[in-house]
């Protein structure tokens, strides 16, 4: 039961990445520190609704 999710930068709110998560194992929203090309630095990216 994998679900596609979109990751959004917390600083500039741009939608940079898409990934998949297992909805049964991770019920909470995904939070990953990734590179944002718009901010030109590593920032926290959170899963959108």
PDB file of N, CA and C in Angstrom:
ATOM      1  N   UNK A   1       0.836  -1.178   0.000  1.00  0.00           N
ATOM      2  CA  UNK A   1       0.000   0.000   0.000  1.00  0.00           C
ATOM      3  C   UNK A   1       0.882   1.243   0.000  1.00  0.00           C
ATOM      4  N   UNK A   2       1.551   1.522  -1.104  1.00  0.00           N
ATOM      5  CA  UNK A   2       2.414   2.690  -1.195  1.00  0.00           C
ATOM      6  C   UNK A   2       1.643   3.843  -1.820  1.00  0.00           C
ATOM      7  N   UNK A   3       1.963   5.041  -1.366  1.00  0.00           N
ATOM      8  CA  UNK A   3       1.251   6.229  -1.795  1.00  0.00           C
ATOM      9  C   UNK A   3       2.252   7.291  -2.243  1.00  0.00           C
ATOM     10  N   UNK A   4       1.957   7.970  -3.348  1.00  0.00           N
ATOM     11  CA  UNK A   4       2.826   9.055  -3.808  1.00  0.00           C
ATOM     12  C   UNK A   4       2.570  10.297  -2.967  1.00  0.00           C
ATOM     13  N   UNK A   5       3.656  10.969  -2.579  1.00  0.00           N
ATOM     14  CA  UNK A   5       3.554  12.203  -1.801  1.00  0.00           C
ATOM     15  C   UNK A   5       4.433  13.273  -2.433  1.00  0.00           C
ATOM     16  N   UNK A   6       4.052  14.527  -2.243  1.00  0.00           N
ATOM     17  CA  UNK A   6       4.814  15.666  -2.751  1.00  0.00           C
ATOM     18  C   UNK A   6       5.486  16.343  -1.570  1.00  0.00           C
ATOM     19  N   UNK A   7       6.773  16.675  -1.728  1.00  0.00           N
ATOM     20  CA  UNK A   7       7.526  17.339  -0.671  1.00  0.00           C
ATOM     21  C   UNK A   7       7.657  18.827  -0.992  1.00  0.00           C
ATOM     22  N   UNK A   8       7.406  19.670   0.019  1.00  0.00           N
ATOM     23  CA  UNK A   8       7.428  21.119  -0.144  1.00  0.00           C
ATOM     24  C   UNK A   8       8.487  21.710   0.776  1.00  0.00           C
ATOM     25  N   UNK A   9       9.259  22.646   0.240  1.00  0.00           N
ATOM     26  CA  UNK A   9      10.279  23.350   1.018  1.00  0.00           C
ATOM     27  C   UNK A   9       9.593  24.236   2.051  1.00  0.00           C
ATOM     28  N   UNK A  10      10.102  24.233   3.287  1.00  0.00           N
ATOM     29  CA  UNK A  10       9.515  25.067   4.333  1.00  0.00           C
ATOM     30  C   UNK A  10       9.843  26.539   4.152  1.00  0.00           C
ATOM     31  N   UNK A  11      10.986  26.857   3.551  1.00  0.00           N
ATOM     32  CA  UNK A  11      11.401  28.255   3.406  1.00  0.00           C
ATOM     33  C   UNK A  11      10.662  28.964   2.273  1.00  0.00           C
ATOM     34  N   UNK A  12      10.735  28.422   1.074  1.00  0.00           N
ATOM     35  CA  UNK A  12      10.175  29.114  -0.094  1.00  0.00           C
ATOM     36  C   UNK A  12       8.852  28.511  -0.568  1.00  0.00           C
ATOM     37  N   UNK A  13       8.413  27.407   0.031  1.00  0.00           N
ATOM     38  CA  UNK A  13       7.139  26.731  -0.288  1.00  0.00           C
ATOM     39  C   UNK A  13       7.052  26.233  -1.726  1.00  0.00           C
ATOM     40  N   UNK A  14       8.191  25.931  -2.338  1.00  0.00           N
ATOM     41  CA  UNK A  14       8.169  25.367  -3.684  1.00  0.00           C
ATOM     42  C   UNK A  14       8.096  23.851  -3.602  1.00  0.00           C
ATOM     43  N   UNK A  15       7.360  23.257  -4.523  1.00  0.00           N
ATOM     44  CA  UNK A  15       7.182  21.803  -4.566  1.00  0.00           C
ATOM     45  C   UNK A  15       8.300  21.215  -5.419  1.00  0.00           C
ATOM     46  N   UNK A  16       9.314  20.680  -4.760  1.00  0.00           N
ATOM     47  CA  UNK A  16      10.526  20.254  -5.453  1.00  0.00           C
ATOM     48  C   UNK A  16      10.583  18.759  -5.731  1.00  0.00           C
ATOM     49  N   UNK A  17      10.100  17.937  -4.825  1.00  0.00           N
ATOM     50  CA  UNK A  17      10.324  16.500  -4.921  1.00  0.00           C
ATOM     51  C   UNK A  17       9.023  15.722  -4.783  1.00  0.00           C
ATOM     52  N   UNK A  18       8.999  14.543  -5.410  1.00  0.00           N
ATOM     53  CA  UNK A  18       7.941  13.566  -5.183  1.00  0.00           C
ATOM     54  C   UNK A  18       8.603  12.285  -4.711  1.00  0.00           C
ATOM     55  N   UNK A  19       7.924  11.564  -3.845  1.00  0.00           N
ATOM     56  CA  UNK A  19       8.445  10.315  -3.321  1.00  0.00           C
ATOM     57  C   UNK A  19       7.269   9.414  -2.975  1.00  0.00           C
ATOM     58  N   UNK A  20       7.559   8.232  -2.495  1.00  0.00           N
ATOM     59  CA  UNK A  20       6.531   7.295  -2.079  1.00  0.00           C
ATOM     60  C   UNK A  20       6.729   6.949  -0.619  1.00  0.00           C
ATOM     61  N   UNK A  21       5.621   6.635   0.046  1.00  0.00           N
ATOM     62  CA  UNK A  21       5.709   6.164   1.424  1.00  0.00           C
ATOM     63  C   UNK A  21       4.698   5.051   1.632  1.00  0.00           C
ATOM     64  N   UNK A  22       4.991   4.201   2.579  1.00  0.00           N
ATOM     65  CA  UNK A  22       4.084   3.137   2.963  1.00  0.00           C
ATOM     66  C   UNK A  22       3.124   3.707   4.003  1.00  0.00           C
ATOM     67  N   UNK A  23       1.864   3.814   3.638  1.00  0.00           N
ATOM     68  CA  UNK A  23       0.873   4.449   4.496  1.00  0.00           C
ATOM     69  C   UNK A  23       0.608   3.656   5.769  1.00  0.00           C
ATOM     70  N   UNK A  24       0.805   2.340   5.725  1.00  0.00           N
ATOM     71  CA  UNK A  24       0.565   1.511   6.904  1.00  0.00           C
ATOM     72  C   UNK A  24       1.664   1.686   7.947  1.00  0.00           C
ATOM     73  N   UNK A  25       2.911   1.818   7.516  1.00  0.00           N
ATOM     74  CA  UNK A  25       4.034   1.939   8.447  1.00  0.00           C
ATOM     75  C   UNK A  25       4.241   3.362   8.946  1.00  0.00           C
ATOM     76  N   UNK A  26       4.036   4.364   8.081  1.00  0.00           N
ATOM     77  CA  UNK A  26       4.249   5.758   8.460  1.00  0.00           C
ATOM     78  C   UNK A  26       2.942   6.518   8.292  1.00  0.00           C
ATOM     79  N   UNK A  27       2.202   6.634   9.363  1.00  0.00           N
ATOM     80  CA  UNK A  27       0.917   7.324   9.309  1.00  0.00           C
ATOM     81  C   UNK A  27       1.097   8.838   9.354  1.00  0.00           C
ATOM     82  N   UNK A  28       2.180   9.297  10.002  1.00  0.00           N
ATOM     83  CA  UNK A  28       2.436  10.730  10.101  1.00  0.00           C
ATOM     84  C   UNK A  28       3.038  11.250   8.793  1.00  0.00           C
ATOM     85  N   UNK A  29       3.123  12.561   8.688  1.00  0.00           N
ATOM     86  CA  UNK A  29       3.691  13.169   7.486  1.00  0.00           C
ATOM     87  C   UNK A  29       5.205  13.004   7.448  1.00  0.00           C
ATOM     88  N   UNK A  30       5.729  12.844   6.250  1.00  0.00           N
ATOM     89  CA  UNK A  30       7.158  12.647   6.050  1.00  0.00           C
ATOM     90  C   UNK A  30       7.861  13.996   6.150  1.00  0.00           C
ATOM     91  N   UNK A  31       9.009  14.028   6.858  1.00  0.00           N
ATOM     92  CA  UNK A  31       9.842  15.223   6.962  1.00  0.00           C
ATOM     93  C   UNK A  31      11.263  14.812   6.611  1.00  0.00           C
ATOM     94  N   UNK A  32      11.816  15.412   5.531  1.00  0.00           N
ATOM     95  CA  UNK A  32      13.149  15.059   5.054  1.00  0.00           C
ATOM     96  C   UNK A  32      13.933  16.332   4.796  1.00  0.00           C
ATOM     97  N   UNK A  33      15.215  16.325   5.126  1.00  0.00           N
ATOM     98  CA  UNK A  33      16.080  17.455   4.809  1.00  0.00           C
ATOM     99  C   UNK A  33      16.713  17.189   3.451  1.00  0.00           C
ATOM    100  N   UNK A  34      16.366  18.033   2.463  1.00  0.00           N
ATOM    101  CA  UNK A  34      16.833  17.851   1.093  1.00  0.00           C
ATOM    102  C   UNK A  34      17.291  19.188   0.525  1.00  0.00           C
ATOM    103  N   UNK A  35      17.955  19.121  -0.633  1.00  0.00           N
ATOM    104  CA  UNK A  35      18.444  20.321  -1.305  1.00  0.00           C
ATOM    105  C   UNK A  35      17.310  21.012  -2.052  1.00  0.00           C
ATOM    106  N   UNK A  36      17.190  22.316  -1.870  1.00  0.00           N
ATOM    107  CA  UNK A  36      16.189  23.108  -2.586  1.00  0.00           C
ATOM    108  C   UNK A  36      16.910  23.951  -3.637  1.00  0.00           C
ATOM    109  N   UNK A  37      16.638  23.725  -4.930  1.00  0.00           N
ATOM    110  CA  UNK A  37      17.317  24.502  -5.974  1.00  0.00           C
ATOM    111  C   UNK A  37      16.908  25.976  -5.982  1.00  0.00           C
ATOM    112  N   UNK A  38      15.725  26.268  -5.513  1.00  0.00           N
ATOM    113  CA  UNK A  38      15.276  27.662  -5.485  1.00  0.00           C
ATOM    114  C   UNK A  38      15.964  28.453  -4.368  1.00  0.00           C
ATOM    115  N   UNK A  39      16.109  27.835  -3.194  1.00  0.00           N
ATOM    116  CA  UNK A  39      16.807  28.476  -2.063  1.00  0.00           C
ATOM    117  C   UNK A  39      18.320  28.344  -2.186  1.00  0.00           C
ATOM    118  N   UNK A  40      18.762  27.388  -2.985  1.00  0.00           N
ATOM    119  CA  UNK A  40      20.187  27.110  -3.197  1.00  0.00           C
ATOM    120  C   UNK A  40      20.873  26.647  -1.908  1.00  0.00           C
ATOM    121  N   UNK A  41      20.151  25.866  -1.091  1.00  0.00           N
ATOM    122  CA  UNK A  41      20.716  25.305   0.136  1.00  0.00           C
ATOM    123  C   UNK A  41      19.865  24.117   0.581  1.00  0.00           C
ATOM    124  N   UNK A  42      20.351  23.387   1.580  1.00  0.00           N
ATOM    125  CA  UNK A  42      19.604  22.265   2.146  1.00  0.00           C
ATOM    126  C   UNK A  42      18.592  22.794   3.154  1.00  0.00           C
ATOM    127  N   UNK A  43      17.331  22.414   2.970  1.00  0.00           N
ATOM    128  CA  UNK A  43      16.257  22.848   3.859  1.00  0.00           C
ATOM    129  C   UNK A  43      15.364  21.658   4.205  1.00  0.00           C
ATOM    130  N   UNK A  44      14.484  21.860   5.156  1.00  0.00           N
ATOM    131  CA  UNK A  44      13.531  20.827   5.563  1.00  0.00           C
ATOM    132  C   UNK A  44      12.376  20.822   4.559  1.00  0.00           C
ATOM    133  N   UNK A  45      12.051  19.636   4.067  1.00  0.00           N
ATOM    134  CA  UNK A  45      10.922  19.452   3.159  1.00  0.00           C
ATOM    135  C   UNK A  45       9.886  18.588   3.863  1.00  0.00           C
ATOM    136  N   UNK A  46       8.611  19.034   3.802  1.00  0.00           N
ATOM    137  CA  UNK A  46       7.528  18.301   4.442  1.00  0.00           C
ATOM    138  C   UNK A  46       6.532  17.812   3.407  1.00  0.00           C
ATOM    139  N   UNK A  47       5.836  16.764   3.759  1.00  0.00           N
ATOM    140  CA  UNK A  47       4.801  16.195   2.892  1.00  0.00           C
ATOM    141  C   UNK A  47       3.577  17.107   2.877  1.00  0.00           C
ATOM    142  N   UNK A  48       2.990  17.289   1.699  1.00  0.00           N
ATOM    143  CA  UNK A  48       1.769  18.089   1.578  1.00  0.00           C
ATOM    144  C   UNK A  48       0.554  17.204   1.750  1.00  0.00           C
ATOM    145  N   UNK A  49      -0.615  17.809   1.817  1.00  0.00           N
ATOM    146  CA  UNK A  49      -1.865  17.055   1.933  1.00  0.00           C
ATOM    147  C   UNK A  49      -2.208  16.375   0.638  1.00  0.00           C
TER     148      UNK A  49
END
